[in-house]
Amino acid sequence: TNFPTLIPYQAKSGGGQDGFLAKLSATGSALSYSSYLGGYGADEVTGIYRDPVGHILVAGTTSSPNFPVTAGAFQTIFGGATDGFVTRFGTSWQLLNSTFIGGSLNDGITAMAQDFHGLPYLTGTTDSTDFPVQLPLQSGNAGALDAFVVKMSGDLSTMLFGTYLGGSGNDGGNAI
C-alpha cells in the first residue's frame, strides 16, 4: 500500500496484488513515473514495450473483474478465473485502451512483442475451451493446457488473429 507513485494513472492499490509501471531517470537515481495497475484481485504485469509513436503497452494476467478496461475494447467483460490483459498508455501516461483476453477458465499472458507497426503479439497459457480465436491455426484446446498466440489491433479493439497452439499434453507460450 505504500509503493512509491509519481504522476500515477492509479495512485492507490486496487486491493490484492497489483501490477505496477515505473520509469526511472537515465541515471536510475530517481523516478520519472510510477503507478499501480490493477483491480481488487491479483494482477501481474508480464510484458511491456514502447511502440513507434511512444505509447507504452503492458500485458499480463488478472483475476480482477474490475480491472480497468475501456469502452470499445475487444473484450470488456471478465471471462473467468483469470484473464490476460493488454493496456495502452499515451506519452503522458494517460490510459488510452485496455482489454481483457480470455475464456471462462484460466488464461494468462506470459510474453508480448510488437511488429514493425507497433502491433502487439501475445502468448501465454489457457485451459479455457472458449478462448477467443480469430483465423485460427488450431481452433480448440487439444489438452489440459494449451499455448495461445494472438495479434491485436493498435487500439486493442480487434483481434487480428488468435489461435490455440498445443497437443494432448500441457503446453504454454513463454516467449514470442
Protein backbone atom coordinates (compact mmCIF):
# COMPACT_ATOMS: atom_id res chain seq x y z
CA THR A 1 0.00 0.00 0.00
CA ASN A 2 2.99 2.32 0.21
CA PHE A 3 4.56 1.65 -3.19
CA PRO A 4 6.10 4.93 -4.41
CA THR A 5 3.95 6.57 -7.08
CA LEU A 6 4.69 9.65 -9.16
CA ILE A 7 2.17 11.20 -11.60
CA PRO A 8 0.23 7.94 -11.37
CA TYR A 9 -2.63 6.68 -13.52
CA GLN A 10 -3.73 4.76 -10.41
CA ALA A 11 -2.44 6.29 -7.16
CA LYS A 12 -3.73 3.60 -4.79
CA SER A 13 -3.66 -0.15 -4.81
CA GLY A 14 -6.84 -1.70 -6.14
CA GLY A 15 -6.53 -4.36 -3.44
CA GLY A 16 -4.97 -7.79 -3.51
CA GLN A 17 -1.78 -7.87 -5.57
CA ASP A 18 -1.40 -5.11 -8.16
CA GLY A 19 0.89 -4.77 -11.11
CA PHE A 20 2.89 -1.59 -11.43
CA LEU A 21 4.65 0.55 -14.01
CA ALA A 22 7.75 2.55 -13.21
CA LYS A 23 10.08 4.65 -15.32
CA LEU A 24 13.43 5.56 -13.81
CA SER A 25 15.63 8.51 -14.72
CA ALA A 26 18.52 7.86 -17.10
CA THR A 27 20.89 7.50 -14.14
CA GLY A 28 18.48 5.23 -12.24
CA SER A 29 18.58 7.57 -9.25
CA ALA A 30 15.01 8.92 -9.42
CA LEU A 31 11.50 8.01 -10.53
CA SER A 32 10.17 9.71 -13.65
CA TYR A 33 6.81 7.94 -13.42
CA SER A 34 5.28 5.24 -11.24
CA SER A 35 1.77 3.84 -10.92
CA TYR A 36 -0.23 0.89 -9.73
CA LEU A 37 -2.22 -1.06 -12.33
CA GLY A 38 -4.98 -3.39 -11.21
CA GLY A 39 -8.29 -4.13 -9.60
CA TYR A 40 -9.29 -5.84 -6.37
CA GLY A 41 -7.92 -9.29 -7.32
CA ALA A 42 -4.39 -10.40 -8.20
CA ASP A 43 -2.81 -8.53 -11.12
CA GLU A 44 0.59 -9.20 -12.65
CA VAL A 45 2.40 -7.32 -15.44
CA THR A 46 4.48 -9.73 -17.57
CA GLY A 47 5.35 -7.66 -20.62
CA ILE A 48 5.98 -4.04 -21.53
CA TYR A 49 7.19 -2.14 -24.60
CA ARG A 50 7.09 1.30 -26.18
CA ASP A 51 5.54 1.45 -29.66
CA PRO A 52 6.94 3.56 -32.55
CA VAL A 53 4.90 6.64 -31.54
CA GLY A 54 5.85 6.47 -27.86
CA HIS A 55 2.79 4.75 -26.39
CA ILE A 56 3.50 2.25 -23.61
CA LEU A 57 1.85 -1.16 -23.87
CA VAL A 58 1.71 -3.55 -20.94
CA ALA A 59 0.31 -7.05 -20.76
CA GLY A 60 -0.23 -9.60 -18.05
CA THR A 61 -2.71 -11.63 -16.08
CA THR A 62 -5.55 -10.54 -13.81
CA SER A 63 -8.13 -12.09 -11.54
CA SER A 64 -9.83 -8.70 -11.12
CA PRO A 65 -13.27 -8.36 -12.74
CA ASN A 66 -12.90 -4.61 -12.12
CA PHE A 67 -9.52 -4.33 -13.90
CA PRO A 68 -9.55 -1.03 -15.84
CA VAL A 69 -10.77 -1.78 -19.37
CA THR A 70 -12.02 0.82 -21.84
CA ALA A 71 -15.18 1.19 -23.88
CA GLY A 72 -14.74 -0.23 -27.38
CA ALA A 73 -12.14 -2.75 -26.21
CA PHE A 74 -12.02 -6.21 -27.76
CA GLN A 75 -13.28 -7.83 -24.53
CA THR A 76 -14.81 -5.59 -21.86
CA ILE A 77 -16.22 -8.38 -19.67
CA PHE A 78 -14.02 -10.50 -17.39
CA GLY A 79 -14.19 -14.06 -18.72
CA GLY A 80 -13.16 -16.46 -15.97
CA ALA A 81 -10.90 -17.26 -13.03
CA THR A 82 -8.03 -15.34 -14.65
CA ASP A 83 -7.80 -13.41 -17.91
CA GLY A 84 -4.98 -11.88 -19.85
CA PHE A 85 -4.99 -8.12 -20.30
CA VAL A 86 -3.35 -5.59 -22.61
CA THR A 87 -3.30 -1.90 -21.71
CA ARG A 88 -2.01 1.04 -23.74
CA PHE A 89 -0.92 4.35 -22.21
CA GLY A 90 -0.24 7.60 -24.06
CA THR A 91 3.02 9.50 -24.00
CA SER A 92 1.80 11.43 -20.91
CA TRP A 93 0.83 8.15 -19.19
CA GLN A 94 -2.91 8.60 -19.76
CA LEU A 95 -4.93 5.40 -20.24
CA LEU A 96 -5.83 5.06 -23.95
CA ASN A 97 -7.07 1.49 -24.37
CA SER A 98 -7.33 -1.62 -22.24
CA THR A 99 -8.88 -5.04 -22.83
CA PHE A 100 -9.29 -8.45 -21.28
CA ILE A 101 -8.35 -11.51 -23.37
CA GLY A 102 -9.67 -14.82 -22.11
CA GLY A 103 -12.28 -17.51 -21.86
CA SER A 104 -14.23 -18.91 -18.93
CA LEU A 105 -11.33 -20.59 -17.05
CA ASN A 106 -7.65 -19.68 -16.56
CA ASP A 107 -5.91 -17.55 -19.16
CA GLY A 108 -2.71 -15.60 -18.75
CA ILE A 109 -0.36 -13.63 -20.95
CA THR A 110 3.27 -14.51 -20.28
CA ALA A 111 5.03 -12.63 -23.10
CA MET A 112 4.46 -9.78 -25.54
CA ALA A 113 6.28 -8.47 -28.60
CA GLN A 114 5.50 -5.97 -31.37
CA ASP A 115 5.76 -5.94 -35.13
CA PHE A 116 7.30 -3.02 -37.05
CA HIS A 117 3.96 -1.17 -36.92
CA GLY A 118 3.89 -1.49 -33.11
CA LEU A 119 1.01 -4.00 -33.10
CA PRO A 120 1.03 -6.35 -30.11
CA TYR A 121 1.65 -10.09 -30.38
CA LEU A 122 0.83 -12.04 -27.24
CA THR A 123 1.39 -15.55 -25.98
CA GLY A 124 0.50 -17.41 -22.83
CA THR A 125 -1.39 -20.36 -21.45
CA THR A 126 -5.07 -21.25 -21.36
CA ASP A 127 -7.20 -24.10 -20.10
CA SER A 128 -10.38 -22.45 -21.39
CA THR A 129 -12.25 -24.30 -24.12
CA ASP A 130 -13.84 -20.99 -25.20
CA PHE A 131 -10.71 -18.85 -25.53
CA PRO A 132 -11.42 -16.29 -28.28
CA VAL A 133 -9.91 -17.24 -31.65
CA GLN A 134 -9.76 -15.47 -35.00
CA LEU A 135 -8.49 -17.13 -38.21
CA PRO A 136 -7.05 -19.93 -36.05
CA LEU A 137 -4.39 -22.45 -36.95
CA GLN A 138 -5.94 -24.57 -34.16
CA SER A 139 -9.50 -23.73 -33.21
CA GLY A 140 -9.80 -25.69 -29.95
CA ASN A 141 -7.97 -26.70 -26.84
CA ALA A 142 -6.19 -30.02 -27.52
CA GLY A 143 -5.01 -30.76 -23.96
CA ALA A 144 -5.41 -29.68 -20.37
CA LEU A 145 -3.33 -26.55 -21.03
CA ASP A 146 -2.56 -25.07 -24.42
CA ALA A 147 -0.46 -22.14 -25.52
CA PHE A 148 -2.13 -19.37 -27.48
CA VAL A 149 -0.84 -16.79 -29.94
CA VAL A 150 -2.76 -13.55 -30.53
CA LYS A 151 -2.20 -10.42 -32.63
CA MET A 152 -4.24 -7.33 -31.69
CA SER A 153 -5.02 -4.05 -33.44
CA GLY A 154 -3.21 -0.98 -32.12
CA ASP A 155 -6.32 0.35 -30.38
CA LEU A 156 -6.97 -3.08 -28.80
CA SER A 157 -10.49 -3.22 -30.26
CA THR A 158 -9.90 -6.11 -32.66
CA MET A 159 -8.18 -9.48 -32.54
CA LEU A 160 -6.45 -9.72 -35.92
CA PHE A 161 -5.65 -13.38 -35.33
CA GLY A 162 -5.81 -15.71 -32.38
CA THR A 163 -5.15 -19.42 -32.12
CA TYR A 164 -4.64 -22.21 -29.66
CA LEU A 165 -1.30 -23.97 -30.06
CA GLY A 166 -0.73 -27.32 -28.39
CA GLY A 167 -1.05 -31.06 -28.31
CA SER A 168 -2.66 -33.51 -25.92
CA GLY A 169 -0.32 -32.70 -23.03
CA ASN A 170 0.31 -29.43 -21.22
CA ASP A 171 1.65 -26.63 -23.43
CA GLY A 172 2.33 -22.97 -22.75
CA GLY A 173 3.87 -20.00 -24.51
CA ASN A 174 6.73 -18.32 -22.64
CA ALA A 175 8.29 -16.07 -25.31
CA ILE A 176 7.26 -14.54 -28.61
